[in-house]
C-alpha atoms as a PDB file:
ATOM      1  CA  MET A   1     -73.322   9.072 -25.557  1.00  0.00           C
ATOM      2  CA  GLN A   2     -73.974   5.716 -23.920  1.00  0.00           C
ATOM      3  CA  HIS A   3     -71.979   3.987 -21.202  1.00  0.00           C
ATOM      4  CA  TYR A   4     -71.405   0.244 -21.078  1.00  0.00           C
ATOM      5  CA  VAL A   5     -70.050  -1.843 -18.235  1.00  0.00           C
ATOM      6  CA  VAL A   6     -68.394  -5.091 -19.277  1.00  0.00           C
ATOM      7  CA  TYR A   7     -67.120  -7.790 -17.036  1.00  0.00           C
ATOM      8  CA  HIS A   8     -63.911  -9.790 -17.504  1.00  0.00           C
ATOM      9  CA  SER A   9     -63.882 -13.033 -15.571  1.00  0.00           C
ATOM     10  CA  VAL A  10     -60.548 -14.592 -15.111  1.00  0.00           C
ATOM     11  CA  LYS A  11     -62.250 -17.923 -14.845  1.00  0.00           C
ATOM     12  CA  GLY A  12     -64.067 -17.473 -18.131  1.00  0.00           C
ATOM     13  CA  MET A  13     -61.318 -15.684 -20.034  1.00  0.00           C
ATOM     14  CA  GLY A  14     -58.265 -17.725 -18.701  1.00  0.00           C
ATOM     15  CA  TRP A  15     -56.076 -14.717 -18.021  1.00  0.00           C
ATOM     16  CA  SER A  16     -55.792 -11.788 -15.484  1.00  0.00           C
ATOM     17  CA  PHE A  17     -55.441  -8.107 -16.134  1.00  0.00           C
ATOM     18  CA  ARG A  18     -53.091  -8.187 -13.099  1.00  0.00           C
ATOM     19  CA  ASP A  19     -50.646 -10.502 -14.908  1.00  0.00           C
ATOM     20  CA  GLY A  20     -49.973  -8.062 -17.803  1.00  0.00           C
ATOM     21  CA  GLU A  21     -48.724  -4.602 -18.550  1.00  0.00           C
ATOM     22  CA  PRO A  22     -50.676  -1.450 -18.709  1.00  0.00           C
ATOM     23  CA  GLN A  23     -52.616  -0.911 -21.805  1.00  0.00           C
ATOM     24  CA  VAL A  24     -50.860   1.672 -23.988  1.00  0.00           C
ATOM     25  CA  GLY A  25     -52.157   3.051 -27.342  1.00  0.00           C
ATOM     26  CA  GLU A  26     -55.324   0.856 -27.705  1.00  0.00           C
ATOM     27  CA  PHE A  27     -58.010  -0.427 -25.560  1.00  0.00           C
ATOM     28  CA  GLY A  28     -60.459  -3.199 -26.524  1.00  0.00           C
ATOM     29  CA  ILE A  29     -62.866  -5.825 -25.432  1.00  0.00           C
ATOM     30  CA  VAL A  30     -64.489  -8.840 -27.059  1.00  0.00           C
ATOM     31  CA  THR A  31     -68.177  -9.711 -26.867  1.00  0.00           C
ATOM     32  CA  GLY A  32     -70.603 -12.279 -28.072  1.00  0.00           C
ATOM     33  CA  LYS A  33     -73.019  -9.542 -28.966  1.00  0.00           C
ATOM     34  CA  LYS A  34     -73.210  -8.346 -32.520  1.00  0.00           C
ATOM     35  CA  ARG A  35     -71.820  -4.696 -32.776  1.00  0.00           C
ATOM     36  CA  THR A  36     -74.220  -3.202 -30.239  1.00  0.00           C
ATOM     37  CA  ILE A  37     -71.706  -0.745 -28.787  1.00  0.00           C
ATOM     38  CA  LEU A  38     -71.711   2.338 -30.899  1.00  0.00           C
ATOM     39  CA  GLU A  39     -68.830   4.690 -31.726  1.00  0.00           C
ATOM     40  CA  GLY A  40     -68.512   7.476 -29.247  1.00  0.00           C
ATOM     41  CA  SER A  41     -69.853   5.294 -26.409  1.00  0.00           C
ATOM     42  CA  ILE A  42     -67.825   4.734 -23.303  1.00  0.00           C
ATOM     43  CA  VAL A  43     -66.848   1.281 -21.943  1.00  0.00           C
ATOM     44  CA  TRP A  44     -65.956   0.644 -18.385  1.00  0.00           C
ATOM     45  CA  LEU A  45     -64.212  -2.688 -17.781  1.00  0.00           C
ATOM     46  CA  ILE A  46     -64.553  -4.523 -14.524  1.00  0.00           C
ATOM     47  CA  SER A  47     -62.516  -7.621 -13.699  1.00  0.00           C
ATOM     48  CA  GLY A  48     -63.281 -10.329 -11.126  1.00  0.00           C
ATOM     49  CA  GLU A  49     -60.890 -12.965  -9.879  1.00  0.00           C
ATOM     50  CA  GLY A  50     -60.289 -15.239  -6.834  1.00  0.00           C
ATOM     51  CA  THR A  51     -62.449 -16.690  -4.056  1.00  0.00           C
ATOM     52  CA  PRO A  52     -64.142 -14.636  -2.698  1.00  0.00           C
ATOM     53  CA  CYS A  53     -64.130 -12.629  -5.901  1.00  0.00           C
ATOM     54  CA  ASP A  54     -62.119  -9.390  -5.916  1.00  0.00           C
ATOM     55  CA  TYR A  55     -63.685  -6.889  -8.254  1.00  0.00           C
ATOM     56  CA  ARG A  56     -61.680  -4.061  -9.817  1.00  0.00           C
ATOM     57  CA  LEU A  57     -62.202  -1.232 -12.361  1.00  0.00           C
ATOM     58  CA  GLU A  58     -59.493  -1.959 -14.846  1.00  0.00           C
ATOM     59  CA  HIS A  59     -59.873   0.747 -17.538  1.00  0.00           C
ATOM     60  CA  TRP A  60     -62.381   2.895 -19.516  1.00  0.00           C
ATOM     61  CA  PHE A  61     -62.191   3.915 -23.098  1.00  0.00           C
ATOM     62  CA  ILE A  62     -64.207   5.663 -25.897  1.00  0.00           C
ATOM     63  CA  VAL A  63     -65.206   3.368 -28.676  1.00  0.00           C
ATOM     64  CA  SER A  64     -63.761   4.344 -32.059  1.00  0.00           C
ATOM     65  CA  GLY A  65     -64.892   1.171 -33.941  1.00  0.00           C
ATOM     66  CA  SER A  66     -65.757  -2.527 -33.879  1.00  0.00           C
ATOM     67  CA  GLU A  67     -65.067  -5.535 -36.017  1.00  0.00           C
ATOM     68  CA  THR A  68     -66.135  -9.091 -36.544  1.00  0.00           C
ATOM     69  CA  ILE A  69     -63.659 -11.690 -35.382  1.00  0.00           C
ATOM     70  CA  ASN A  70     -63.495 -15.469 -35.632  1.00  0.00           C
ATOM     71  CA  GLY A  71     -63.807 -16.937 -32.176  1.00  0.00           C
ATOM     72  CA  ASP A  72     -65.570 -19.614 -30.346  1.00  0.00           C
ATOM     73  CA  LYS A  73     -67.869 -17.477 -28.172  1.00  0.00           C
ATOM     74  CA  PHE A  74     -66.701 -13.889 -28.959  1.00  0.00           C
ATOM     75  CA  GLY A  75     -67.694 -12.669 -32.433  1.00  0.00           C
ATOM     76  CA  THR A  76     -67.067  -8.943 -32.059  1.00  0.00           C
ATOM     77  CA  ARG A  77     -64.007  -6.863 -30.936  1.00  0.00           C
ATOM     78  CA  VAL A  78     -64.813  -3.271 -29.820  1.00  0.00           C
ATOM     79  CA  PHE A  79     -61.718  -0.899 -29.529  1.00  0.00           C
ATOM     80  CA  GLY A  80     -60.585   2.688 -29.004  1.00  0.00           C
ATOM     81  CA  THR A  81     -57.441   4.728 -28.355  1.00  0.00           C
ATOM     82  CA  ASP A  82     -58.747   7.417 -26.035  1.00  0.00           C
ATOM     83  CA  GLY A  83     -59.223   6.093 -22.378  1.00  0.00           C
ATOM     84  CA  HIS A  84     -57.411   5.420 -19.177  1.00  0.00           C
ATOM     85  CA  ASP A  85     -55.906   2.294 -17.753  1.00  0.00           C
ATOM     86  CA  PHE A  86     -55.981   1.882 -13.955  1.00  0.00           C
ATOM     87  CA  PHE A  87     -52.910  -0.393 -13.714  1.00  0.00           C
ATOM     88  CA  GLY A  88     -53.579  -2.925 -11.023  1.00  0.00           C
ATOM     89  CA  GLY A  89     -57.166  -1.951 -10.934  1.00  0.00           C
ATOM     90  CA  ILE A  90     -59.252   0.082  -8.519  1.00  0.00           C
ATOM     91  CA  ARG A  91     -60.758  -2.304  -5.926  1.00  0.00           C
ATOM     92  CA  ILE A  92     -64.614  -1.822  -5.945  1.00  0.00           C
ATOM     93  CA  ASN A  93     -65.676  -4.600  -3.554  1.00  0.00           C
ATOM     94  CA  GLU A  94     -66.471  -2.334  -0.663  1.00  0.00           C
ATOM     95  CA  CYS A  95     -67.323   0.934  -2.446  1.00  0.00           C
ATOM     96  CA  THR A  96     -69.645   3.462  -0.792  1.00  0.00           C
ATOM     97  CA  LEU A  97     -71.707   5.654  -3.077  1.00  0.00           C
ATOM     98  CA  VAL A  98     -72.012   9.190  -2.097  1.00  0.00           C
END
């Protein structure tokens, strides 16, 4: 099993996780990489917004599949149904590793 950390920039994507509702039923990300995240892998999504940037862990999920999508810079959608949403995010700007 592999772990992937993906970054959601409000500036780059045009929307904030903090504006929406908790994810229920299905999790997903889009990427410009061609299907490199394999089924069974775990994706951790970190968002960043504001100045100075406020970084938060938003959710994690186990990948159950991926598909090609038509988009300007994102050609792959990776998705799964098993995971956890940290609604409002867990702030990680000043985390201390132990």
